[in-house]
């Protein structure tokens, strides 16, 4: 889980983490603000393209109940846990 900032950039801390551990990451959930238009959650698209990690969900700000359900469903399907 990460965020987009500056209209779609990947935070440096996230980028540094992914350089080391991207092989172990199963998917990305990224927050953003829909006011950014096409740059909403763009960091997730960048991560998917650069590291080959599936973009599971883009959610606005803190997310909504449906966002939580979608993320939990992904985790349950992928891991069989939850």
C-alpha atoms as a PDB file:
ATOM      1  CA  UNK A   1       0.000   0.000   0.000  1.00  0.00           C
ATOM      2  CA  UNK A   2       1.337   3.377  -0.972  1.00  0.00           C
ATOM      3  CA  UNK A   3       0.230   6.787  -2.142  1.00  0.00           C
ATOM      4  CA  UNK A   4       0.700   9.009  -5.133  1.00  0.00           C
ATOM      5  CA  UNK A   5       2.102  12.472  -4.675  1.00  0.00           C
ATOM      6  CA  UNK A   6       3.041  15.382  -6.919  1.00  0.00           C
ATOM      7  CA  UNK A   7       0.429  14.314  -9.439  1.00  0.00           C
ATOM      8  CA  UNK A   8       1.319  10.642  -9.666  1.00  0.00           C
ATOM      9  CA  UNK A   9       4.873  10.147  -8.474  1.00  0.00           C
ATOM     10  CA  UNK A  10       5.958   7.142  -6.412  1.00  0.00           C
ATOM     11  CA  UNK A  11       7.212   8.185  -2.959  1.00  0.00           C
ATOM     12  CA  UNK A  12      10.974   7.705  -2.554  1.00  0.00           C
ATOM     13  CA  UNK A  13      10.509   5.425   0.455  1.00  0.00           C
ATOM     14  CA  UNK A  14       8.183   3.189  -1.567  1.00  0.00           C
ATOM     15  CA  UNK A  15      10.555   3.148  -4.528  1.00  0.00           C
ATOM     16  CA  UNK A  16      13.515   2.246  -2.304  1.00  0.00           C
ATOM     17  CA  UNK A  17      11.497  -0.541  -0.665  1.00  0.00           C
ATOM     18  CA  UNK A  18      10.433  -1.962  -4.020  1.00  0.00           C
ATOM     19  CA  UNK A  19      13.982  -1.942  -5.380  1.00  0.00           C
ATOM     20  CA  UNK A  20      14.885  -4.350  -2.564  1.00  0.00           C
ATOM     21  CA  UNK A  21      11.716  -6.407  -2.139  1.00  0.00           C
ATOM     22  CA  UNK A  22       9.627  -6.206  -5.327  1.00  0.00           C
ATOM     23  CA  UNK A  23       9.925  -9.978  -5.870  1.00  0.00           C
ATOM     24  CA  UNK A  24       7.945 -10.545  -2.668  1.00  0.00           C
ATOM     25  CA  UNK A  25       5.146  -8.028  -3.305  1.00  0.00           C
ATOM     26  CA  UNK A  26       1.889  -9.582  -4.568  1.00  0.00           C
ATOM     27  CA  UNK A  27      -0.023  -6.436  -5.467  1.00  0.00           C
ATOM     28  CA  UNK A  28      -0.322  -2.705  -4.974  1.00  0.00           C
ATOM     29  CA  UNK A  29      -3.078  -0.616  -3.425  1.00  0.00           C
ATOM     30  CA  UNK A  30      -2.534   3.080  -3.979  1.00  0.00           C
ATOM     31  CA  UNK A  31      -4.266   6.119  -2.533  1.00  0.00           C
ATOM     32  CA  UNK A  32      -4.746   9.382  -4.284  1.00  0.00           C
ATOM     33  CA  UNK A  33      -7.111  12.233  -4.908  1.00  0.00           C
ATOM     34  CA  UNK A  34      -9.572  12.161  -7.801  1.00  0.00           C
ATOM     35  CA  UNK A  35      -9.066  15.906  -8.195  1.00  0.00           C
ATOM     36  CA  UNK A  36      -5.773  14.957  -9.881  1.00  0.00           C
ATOM     37  CA  UNK A  37      -7.726  13.600 -12.860  1.00  0.00           C
ATOM     38  CA  UNK A  38      -5.713  11.132 -14.949  1.00  0.00           C
ATOM     39  CA  UNK A  39      -2.928  11.276 -12.358  1.00  0.00           C
ATOM     40  CA  UNK A  40      -5.234   9.817  -9.687  1.00  0.00           C
ATOM     41  CA  UNK A  41      -3.317   6.895  -8.144  1.00  0.00           C
ATOM     42  CA  UNK A  42      -0.797   7.011 -10.966  1.00  0.00           C
ATOM     43  CA  UNK A  43       1.977   5.712  -8.703  1.00  0.00           C
ATOM     44  CA  UNK A  44       0.243   2.326  -8.881  1.00  0.00           C
ATOM     45  CA  UNK A  45       0.478   2.346 -12.677  1.00  0.00           C
ATOM     46  CA  UNK A  46       4.158   3.298 -12.510  1.00  0.00           C
ATOM     47  CA  UNK A  47       4.854   0.487 -10.035  1.00  0.00           C
ATOM     48  CA  UNK A  48       2.963  -2.024 -12.164  1.00  0.00           C
ATOM     49  CA  UNK A  49       4.905  -1.067 -15.283  1.00  0.00           C
ATOM     50  CA  UNK A  50       8.344  -0.758 -13.692  1.00  0.00           C
ATOM     51  CA  UNK A  51       8.251  -3.691 -11.272  1.00  0.00           C
ATOM     52  CA  UNK A  52       5.584  -5.957 -12.790  1.00  0.00           C
ATOM     53  CA  UNK A  53       3.482  -5.816  -9.611  1.00  0.00           C
ATOM     54  CA  UNK A  54      -0.278  -5.940 -10.277  1.00  0.00           C
ATOM     55  CA  UNK A  55      -2.266  -2.829  -9.411  1.00  0.00           C
ATOM     56  CA  UNK A  56      -5.064  -4.185  -7.226  1.00  0.00           C
ATOM     57  CA  UNK A  57      -6.904  -0.973  -6.431  1.00  0.00           C
ATOM     58  CA  UNK A  58      -6.743   2.789  -6.511  1.00  0.00           C
ATOM     59  CA  UNK A  59      -8.647   4.375  -3.658  1.00  0.00           C
ATOM     60  CA  UNK A  60      -9.405   7.955  -2.801  1.00  0.00           C
ATOM     61  CA  UNK A  61      -7.947   9.375   0.397  1.00  0.00           C
ATOM     62  CA  UNK A  62      -8.659   6.848   3.205  1.00  0.00           C
ATOM     63  CA  UNK A  63     -10.834   4.626   1.038  1.00  0.00           C
ATOM     64  CA  UNK A  64     -14.414   3.446   1.333  1.00  0.00           C
ATOM     65  CA  UNK A  65     -16.050   0.195   2.416  1.00  0.00           C
ATOM     66  CA  UNK A  66     -16.020  -1.175  -1.155  1.00  0.00           C
ATOM     67  CA  UNK A  67     -12.305  -0.456  -1.435  1.00  0.00           C
ATOM     68  CA  UNK A  68     -11.647  -2.426   1.736  1.00  0.00           C
ATOM     69  CA  UNK A  69     -13.794  -5.333   0.500  1.00  0.00           C
ATOM     70  CA  UNK A  70     -12.012  -5.428  -2.859  1.00  0.00           C
ATOM     71  CA  UNK A  71      -8.598  -5.435  -1.179  1.00  0.00           C
ATOM     72  CA  UNK A  72      -9.629  -8.161   1.276  1.00  0.00           C
ATOM     73  CA  UNK A  73     -11.035 -10.255  -1.579  1.00  0.00           C
ATOM     74  CA  UNK A  74      -7.726  -9.984  -3.425  1.00  0.00           C
ATOM     75  CA  UNK A  75      -5.797 -11.065  -0.336  1.00  0.00           C
ATOM     76  CA  UNK A  76      -8.175 -13.954   0.346  1.00  0.00           C
ATOM     77  CA  UNK A  77      -7.940 -15.161  -3.237  1.00  0.00           C
ATOM     78  CA  UNK A  78      -4.179 -14.820  -3.416  1.00  0.00           C
ATOM     79  CA  UNK A  79      -3.261 -16.186  -0.002  1.00  0.00           C
ATOM     80  CA  UNK A  80      -6.282 -18.138   1.191  1.00  0.00           C
ATOM     81  CA  UNK A  81      -6.009 -16.189   4.449  1.00  0.00           C
ATOM     82  CA  UNK A  82      -8.505 -13.813   6.129  1.00  0.00           C
END
